[in-house]
Amino acid sequence: LVPSPILQCLKPYEAPYQHRFSQMSQHISNTIAMQVINSSEEKENG
């Protein structure tokens, strides 16, 4: 368990990291979606 003063010091840094993480996961899911769409289009064209 982390002492609360340390948690208070880390609080300002918490939000940007959460935001960046959600951006990253969004980007990953977008990339996967694009790959799925591309591969299905290739099958239709082929």
Protein backbone atom coordinates (compact mmCIF):
# COMPACT_ATOMS: atom_id res chain seq x y z
CA LEU A 1 0.00 0.00 0.00
CA VAL A 2 1.29 3.45 -0.90
CA PRO A 3 1.18 6.25 1.72
CA SER A 4 -1.39 8.89 0.81
CA PRO A 5 1.09 11.84 0.63
CA ILE A 6 2.85 10.03 -2.21
CA LEU A 7 -0.51 9.37 -3.88
CA GLN A 8 -1.29 13.09 -3.60
CA CYS A 9 2.01 13.88 -5.32
CA LEU A 10 1.24 11.44 -8.13
CA LYS A 11 -2.35 12.59 -8.64
CA PRO A 12 -1.50 15.29 -11.23
CA TYR A 13 0.33 12.71 -13.34
CA GLU A 14 -2.44 10.15 -13.20
CA ALA A 15 -4.90 11.80 -15.58
CA PRO A 16 -2.55 12.39 -18.55
CA TYR A 17 -1.39 8.78 -18.40
CA GLN A 18 -4.96 7.51 -18.34
CA HIS A 19 -5.75 9.76 -21.29
CA ARG A 20 -2.69 8.57 -23.20
CA PHE A 21 -3.52 4.94 -22.42
CA SER A 22 -7.09 5.33 -23.68
CA GLN A 23 -5.76 7.05 -26.82
CA MET A 24 -3.32 4.19 -27.32
CA SER A 25 -5.97 1.48 -26.91
CA GLN A 26 -8.25 3.43 -29.25
CA HIS A 27 -5.45 3.60 -31.81
CA ILE A 28 -4.76 -0.13 -31.47
CA SER A 29 -8.43 -1.04 -31.96
CA ASN A 30 -8.61 1.30 -34.97
CA THR A 31 -5.53 -0.34 -36.47
CA ILE A 32 -6.99 -3.82 -35.97
CA ALA A 33 -10.28 -2.71 -37.51
CA MET A 34 -8.46 -1.30 -40.53
CA GLN A 35 -6.52 -4.54 -41.00
CA VAL A 36 -9.73 -6.58 -40.79
CA ILE A 37 -11.44 -4.33 -43.33
CA ASN A 38 -8.43 -4.46 -45.67
CA SER A 39 -8.16 -8.25 -45.51
CA SER A 40 -11.88 -8.73 -46.15
CA GLU A 41 -11.73 -6.32 -49.10
CA GLU A 42 -8.77 -8.24 -50.52
CA LYS A 43 -10.75 -11.48 -50.32
CA GLU A 44 -13.65 -9.88 -52.21
CA ASN A 45 -11.33 -8.45 -54.87
CA GLY A 46 -9.38 -11.68 -55.23
